[in-house]
């Protein structure tokens, strides 16, 4: 997906993004940003694993129900 389309959805332009990035850098400092991004990435990975695990578990539960009904 084009990044300009995503920015348009939120109504953010290039100037607004620069201001936000500057404020984040000012607020957290340069050394904290990699740690924050790493934490966000790990959170996303955990979410994906949990989502895939739930789908896998529910499929197994459905297969178990179907085998017991037969």
Foldseek 3Di string as FASTA:
>chain_A
DDPVVVCVVVPDDPVNVVVVVVVVCVVQPPVCVVVVVVVVVVVVVVVVVVVVVVVVVVVVVVVVVVVVVD
